[in-house]
Amino acid sequence: MTIIIKNKETLLIEEFKFKCSVGKKGFSINKKEGDLKTPTGTFDLGNIYYRPDRVEKPISKLKTTIIRKNMGWCDDPESKYYNKLIKIKKGLKINFEKLYRKDNKYDLFILIKYNYKKTFKGRGSAIFLHLTKNYMPTKGCIAITKKDFLILIKLIHKKIKIRIT
């Protein structure tokens, strides 16, 4: 089973078809940090991250991780933690994406393991499948509604791939 991102607005899995949004500037085979493009290719999925103060623990075969106030995702190409989950501490001198947000985008998200196992600095980081309410273009992630996300996570398992074409 594979999740397929068919175009800028369609996510397919088995017989399900969901509306989605992708990077503001479309897709790229040569993703670069900050280019507002969604990387193309076939990737593994990581954990489901969730905010327990806003959503119930997701029912899924993927491992779940609680999002805490001090969690971030390093998007600083100069850091040794580039494209990794980090603990935010006072005086931290690297750029990162805050995971505990005021908006609802990251109330639930799944890591897309792009540029993850063998990380190349500057090739893009923090590529997630996250929530949207309005299908506005993303900074490079894929976004679907909460209702669709909750259906999707019941269908997937840890061996599933996502193919972005």
C-alpha atoms as a PDB file:
ATOM      1  CA  MET A   1       0.000   0.000   0.000  1.00  0.00           C
ATOM      2  CA  THR A   2       1.260   3.469  -0.912  1.00  0.00           C
ATOM      3  CA  ILE A   3      -0.052   6.952  -0.273  1.00  0.00           C
ATOM      4  CA  ILE A   4       0.094   8.818  -3.584  1.00  0.00           C
ATOM      5  CA  ILE A   5       0.185  12.579  -3.963  1.00  0.00           C
ATOM      6  CA  LYS A   6      -1.122  12.732  -7.510  1.00  0.00           C
ATOM      7  CA  ASN A   7      -1.095  16.490  -8.042  1.00  0.00           C
ATOM      8  CA  LYS A   8      -1.285  19.754  -6.079  1.00  0.00           C
ATOM      9  CA  GLU A   9      -4.673  18.852  -4.646  1.00  0.00           C
ATOM     10  CA  THR A  10      -5.145  15.079  -4.573  1.00  0.00           C
ATOM     11  CA  LEU A  11      -3.997  12.446  -2.078  1.00  0.00           C
ATOM     12  CA  LEU A  12      -4.900   8.831  -2.887  1.00  0.00           C
ATOM     13  CA  ILE A  13      -4.780   5.705  -0.719  1.00  0.00           C
ATOM     14  CA  GLU A  14      -6.559   2.542  -1.770  1.00  0.00           C
ATOM     15  CA  GLU A  15     -10.080   3.578  -2.839  1.00  0.00           C
ATOM     16  CA  PHE A  16      -9.941   6.817  -0.832  1.00  0.00           C
ATOM     17  CA  LYS A  17      -9.380  10.173  -2.490  1.00  0.00           C
ATOM     18  CA  PHE A  18      -8.680  13.203  -0.283  1.00  0.00           C
ATOM     19  CA  LYS A  19      -8.242  16.847  -1.131  1.00  0.00           C
ATOM     20  CA  CYS A  20      -4.840  18.183  -0.036  1.00  0.00           C
ATOM     21  CA  SER A  21      -2.513  21.138  -0.406  1.00  0.00           C
ATOM     22  CA  VAL A  22       1.220  21.152  -1.104  1.00  0.00           C
ATOM     23  CA  GLY A  23       4.081  23.636  -1.294  1.00  0.00           C
ATOM     24  CA  LYS A  24       3.260  27.140  -2.503  1.00  0.00           C
ATOM     25  CA  LYS A  25       5.669  26.765  -5.459  1.00  0.00           C
ATOM     26  CA  GLY A  26       4.644  23.207  -6.360  1.00  0.00           C
ATOM     27  CA  PHE A  27       6.989  20.215  -6.494  1.00  0.00           C
ATOM     28  CA  SER A  28      10.742  19.805  -6.874  1.00  0.00           C
ATOM     29  CA  ILE A  29      13.149  16.964  -7.473  1.00  0.00           C
ATOM     30  CA  ASN A  30      15.908  19.316  -6.216  1.00  0.00           C
ATOM     31  CA  LYS A  31      14.354  20.556  -2.966  1.00  0.00           C
ATOM     32  CA  LYS A  32      16.216  23.341  -1.151  1.00  0.00           C
ATOM     33  CA  GLU A  33      15.622  24.719   2.339  1.00  0.00           C
ATOM     34  CA  GLY A  34      13.048  27.520   2.207  1.00  0.00           C
ATOM     35  CA  ASP A  35      12.105  27.120  -1.488  1.00  0.00           C
ATOM     36  CA  LEU A  36       8.383  26.567  -0.674  1.00  0.00           C
ATOM     37  CA  LYS A  37       8.356  23.361  -2.755  1.00  0.00           C
ATOM     38  CA  THR A  38       7.251  19.843  -1.845  1.00  0.00           C
ATOM     39  CA  PRO A  39       9.946  17.238  -2.588  1.00  0.00           C
ATOM     40  CA  THR A  40       9.161  14.519  -5.124  1.00  0.00           C
ATOM     41  CA  GLY A  41      10.024  10.876  -4.623  1.00  0.00           C
ATOM     42  CA  THR A  42       8.995   7.901  -2.506  1.00  0.00           C
ATOM     43  CA  PHE A  43       9.544   8.182   1.240  1.00  0.00           C
ATOM     44  CA  ASP A  44       8.951   6.264   4.459  1.00  0.00           C
ATOM     45  CA  LEU A  45       6.708   7.682   7.152  1.00  0.00           C
ATOM     46  CA  GLY A  46       7.766   8.358  10.721  1.00  0.00           C
ATOM     47  CA  ASN A  47       5.760   8.737  13.902  1.00  0.00           C
ATOM     48  CA  ILE A  48       2.434  10.445  14.354  1.00  0.00           C
ATOM     49  CA  TYR A  49       2.904  13.481  16.606  1.00  0.00           C
ATOM     50  CA  TYR A  50      -0.109  14.861  18.472  1.00  0.00           C
ATOM     51  CA  ARG A  51      -1.209  17.495  20.995  1.00  0.00           C
ATOM     52  CA  PRO A  52      -3.068  15.664  23.803  1.00  0.00           C
ATOM     53  CA  ASP A  53      -4.574  18.943  25.033  1.00  0.00           C
ATOM     54  CA  ARG A  54      -6.354  19.311  21.668  1.00  0.00           C
ATOM     55  CA  VAL A  55      -6.856  15.800  20.241  1.00  0.00           C
ATOM     56  CA  GLU A  56      -7.239  12.278  21.581  1.00  0.00           C
ATOM     57  CA  LYS A  57      -4.373   9.836  21.128  1.00  0.00           C
ATOM     58  CA  PRO A  58      -4.688   8.741  17.488  1.00  0.00           C
ATOM     59  CA  ILE A  59      -5.713   5.165  16.712  1.00  0.00           C
ATOM     60  CA  SER A  60      -3.081   3.907  14.283  1.00  0.00           C
ATOM     61  CA  LYS A  61      -0.480   1.216  13.680  1.00  0.00           C
ATOM     62  CA  LEU A  62       2.169   3.961  13.564  1.00  0.00           C
ATOM     63  CA  LYS A  63       3.999   4.880  16.738  1.00  0.00           C
ATOM     64  CA  THR A  64       2.609   8.005  18.412  1.00  0.00           C
ATOM     65  CA  THR A  65       4.564  10.797  20.098  1.00  0.00           C
ATOM     66  CA  ILE A  66       3.112  13.500  22.341  1.00  0.00           C
ATOM     67  CA  ILE A  67       4.040  17.059  21.308  1.00  0.00           C
ATOM     68  CA  ARG A  68       5.422  18.967  24.272  1.00  0.00           C
ATOM     69  CA  LYS A  69       5.928  22.738  24.637  1.00  0.00           C
ATOM     70  CA  ASN A  70       9.710  22.386  24.343  1.00  0.00           C
ATOM     71  CA  MET A  71       9.740  20.447  21.071  1.00  0.00           C
ATOM     72  CA  GLY A  72      11.028  21.786  17.788  1.00  0.00           C
ATOM     73  CA  TRP A  73      12.306  20.555  14.425  1.00  0.00           C
ATOM     74  CA  CYS A  74      15.705  21.909  13.393  1.00  0.00           C
ATOM     75  CA  ASP A  75      15.636  23.639   9.993  1.00  0.00           C
ATOM     76  CA  ASP A  76      19.077  25.250  10.340  1.00  0.00           C
ATOM     77  CA  PRO A  77      21.421  23.825   7.649  1.00  0.00           C
ATOM     78  CA  GLU A  78      24.439  24.861   9.739  1.00  0.00           C
ATOM     79  CA  SER A  79      23.367  22.784  12.740  1.00  0.00           C
ATOM     80  CA  LYS A  80      24.404  19.204  13.468  1.00  0.00           C
ATOM     81  CA  TYR A  81      20.715  18.662  14.371  1.00  0.00           C
ATOM     82  CA  TYR A  82      19.489  19.643  10.883  1.00  0.00           C
ATOM     83  CA  ASN A  83      16.160  17.945  10.043  1.00  0.00           C
ATOM     84  CA  LYS A  84      15.884  16.318  13.465  1.00  0.00           C
ATOM     85  CA  LEU A  85      13.540  16.612  16.443  1.00  0.00           C
ATOM     86  CA  ILE A  86      15.103  18.866  19.088  1.00  0.00           C
ATOM     87  CA  LYS A  87      14.417  20.049  22.619  1.00  0.00           C
ATOM     88  CA  ILE A  88      14.055  23.836  22.709  1.00  0.00           C
ATOM     89  CA  LYS A  89      16.150  25.367  25.478  1.00  0.00           C
ATOM     90  CA  LYS A  90      16.752  28.958  26.525  1.00  0.00           C
ATOM     91  CA  GLY A  91      19.649  30.423  24.579  1.00  0.00           C
ATOM     92  CA  LEU A  92      19.398  27.899  21.729  1.00  0.00           C
ATOM     93  CA  LYS A  93      21.200  29.525  18.817  1.00  0.00           C
ATOM     94  CA  ILE A  94      19.826  27.549  15.874  1.00  0.00           C
ATOM     95  CA  ASN A  95      16.755  27.986  13.680  1.00  0.00           C
ATOM     96  CA  PHE A  96      13.883  25.584  14.218  1.00  0.00           C
ATOM     97  CA  GLU A  97      10.205  25.020  13.547  1.00  0.00           C
ATOM     98  CA  LYS A  98       8.201  25.125  16.785  1.00  0.00           C
ATOM     99  CA  LEU A  99       5.927  22.062  17.044  1.00  0.00           C
ATOM    100  CA  TYR A 100       3.708  23.313  19.886  1.00  0.00           C
ATOM    101  CA  ARG A 101       1.845  26.025  17.983  1.00  0.00           C
ATOM    102  CA  LYS A 102      -1.042  28.423  18.566  1.00  0.00           C
ATOM    103  CA  ASP A 103      -2.680  27.411  15.288  1.00  0.00           C
ATOM    104  CA  ASN A 104      -3.889  23.854  14.713  1.00  0.00           C
ATOM    105  CA  LYS A 105      -1.553  22.797  11.884  1.00  0.00           C
ATOM    106  CA  TYR A 106       0.533  20.533  14.084  1.00  0.00           C
ATOM    107  CA  ASP A 107      -2.170  19.245  16.434  1.00  0.00           C
ATOM    108  CA  LEU A 108      -1.617  16.036  14.451  1.00  0.00           C
ATOM    109  CA  PHE A 109       1.165  15.388  11.973  1.00  0.00           C
ATOM    110  CA  ILE A 110       3.227  12.577  10.501  1.00  0.00           C
ATOM    111  CA  LEU A 111       6.897  12.918   9.665  1.00  0.00           C
ATOM    112  CA  ILE A 112       7.646  12.282   5.990  1.00  0.00           C
ATOM    113  CA  LYS A 113      11.182  10.857   6.035  1.00  0.00           C
ATOM    114  CA  TYR A 114      12.534  13.108   3.313  1.00  0.00           C
ATOM    115  CA  ASN A 115      16.261  13.937   3.716  1.00  0.00           C
ATOM    116  CA  TYR A 116      16.103  12.148   7.027  1.00  0.00           C
ATOM    117  CA  LYS A 117      18.211   8.991   7.371  1.00  0.00           C
ATOM    118  CA  LYS A 118      21.187  10.430   5.498  1.00  0.00           C
ATOM    119  CA  THR A 119      20.753  14.176   5.862  1.00  0.00           C
ATOM    120  CA  PHE A 120      22.140  16.606   3.297  1.00  0.00           C
ATOM    121  CA  LYS A 121      22.387  20.124   4.688  1.00  0.00           C
ATOM    122  CA  GLY A 122      20.258  22.659   2.827  1.00  0.00           C
ATOM    123  CA  ARG A 123      18.183  20.059   0.959  1.00  0.00           C
ATOM    124  CA  GLY A 124      15.022  20.648   3.012  1.00  0.00           C
ATOM    125  CA  SER A 125      13.717  19.781   6.433  1.00  0.00           C
ATOM    126  CA  ALA A 126      10.553  19.417   8.493  1.00  0.00           C
ATOM    127  CA  ILE A 127       8.489  17.855   5.709  1.00  0.00           C
ATOM    128  CA  PHE A 128       5.282  16.707   7.351  1.00  0.00           C
ATOM    129  CA  LEU A 129       1.785  15.516   6.520  1.00  0.00           C
ATOM    130  CA  HIS A 130      -0.136  17.969   8.726  1.00  0.00           C
ATOM    131  CA  LEU A 131      -3.547  19.553   9.202  1.00  0.00           C
ATOM    132  CA  THR A 132      -5.263  22.347   7.288  1.00  0.00           C
ATOM    133  CA  LYS A 133      -8.623  24.036   7.546  1.00  0.00           C
ATOM    134  CA  ASN A 134      -8.472  25.966   4.263  1.00  0.00           C
ATOM    135  CA  TYR A 135      -6.102  24.137   1.862  1.00  0.00           C
ATOM    136  CA  MET A 136      -3.764  27.133   1.656  1.00  0.00           C
ATOM    137  CA  PRO A 137      -0.395  26.248   0.086  1.00  0.00           C
ATOM    138  CA  THR A 138       2.277  25.058   2.539  1.00  0.00           C
ATOM    139  CA  LYS A 139       5.993  25.769   2.907  1.00  0.00           C
ATOM    140  CA  GLY A 140       6.692  22.318   1.407  1.00  0.00           C
ATOM    141  CA  CYS A 141       4.566  19.955   3.479  1.00  0.00           C
ATOM    142  CA  ILE A 142       1.356  18.158   2.545  1.00  0.00           C
ATOM    143  CA  ALA A 143      -1.801  19.235   4.373  1.00  0.00           C
ATOM    144  CA  ILE A 144      -5.232  17.620   4.740  1.00  0.00           C
ATOM    145  CA  THR A 145      -8.229  18.231   6.986  1.00  0.00           C
ATOM    146  CA  LYS A 146      -8.435  16.700  10.451  1.00  0.00           C
ATOM    147  CA  LYS A 147     -11.409  14.544   9.402  1.00  0.00           C
ATOM    148  CA  ASP A 148      -9.421  13.085   6.475  1.00  0.00           C
ATOM    149  CA  PHE A 149      -6.265  12.717   8.608  1.00  0.00           C
ATOM    150  CA  LEU A 150      -8.183  10.595  11.131  1.00  0.00           C
ATOM    151  CA  ILE A 151      -9.436   8.319   8.334  1.00  0.00           C
ATOM    152  CA  LEU A 152      -5.976   8.086   6.748  1.00  0.00           C
ATOM    153  CA  ILE A 153      -4.174   7.045   9.937  1.00  0.00           C
ATOM    154  CA  LYS A 154      -6.537   4.098  10.394  1.00  0.00           C
ATOM    155  CA  LEU A 155      -5.503   2.781   6.964  1.00  0.00           C
ATOM    156  CA  ILE A 156      -1.735   3.026   7.261  1.00  0.00           C
ATOM    157  CA  HIS A 157       1.034   1.052   8.991  1.00  0.00           C
ATOM    158  CA  LYS A 158       4.780   1.478   9.531  1.00  0.00           C
ATOM    159  CA  LYS A 159       5.806  -0.160   6.231  1.00  0.00           C
ATOM    160  CA  ILE A 160       3.693   2.169   4.112  1.00  0.00           C
ATOM    161  CA  LYS A 161       5.375   4.649   1.770  1.00  0.00           C
ATOM    162  CA  ILE A 162       4.296   7.997   0.438  1.00  0.00           C
ATOM    163  CA  ARG A 163       4.939   8.717  -3.254  1.00  0.00           C
ATOM    164  CA  ILE A 164       4.946  12.374  -4.278  1.00  0.00           C
ATOM    165  CA  THR A 165       4.864  12.772  -8.056  1.00  0.00           C
END
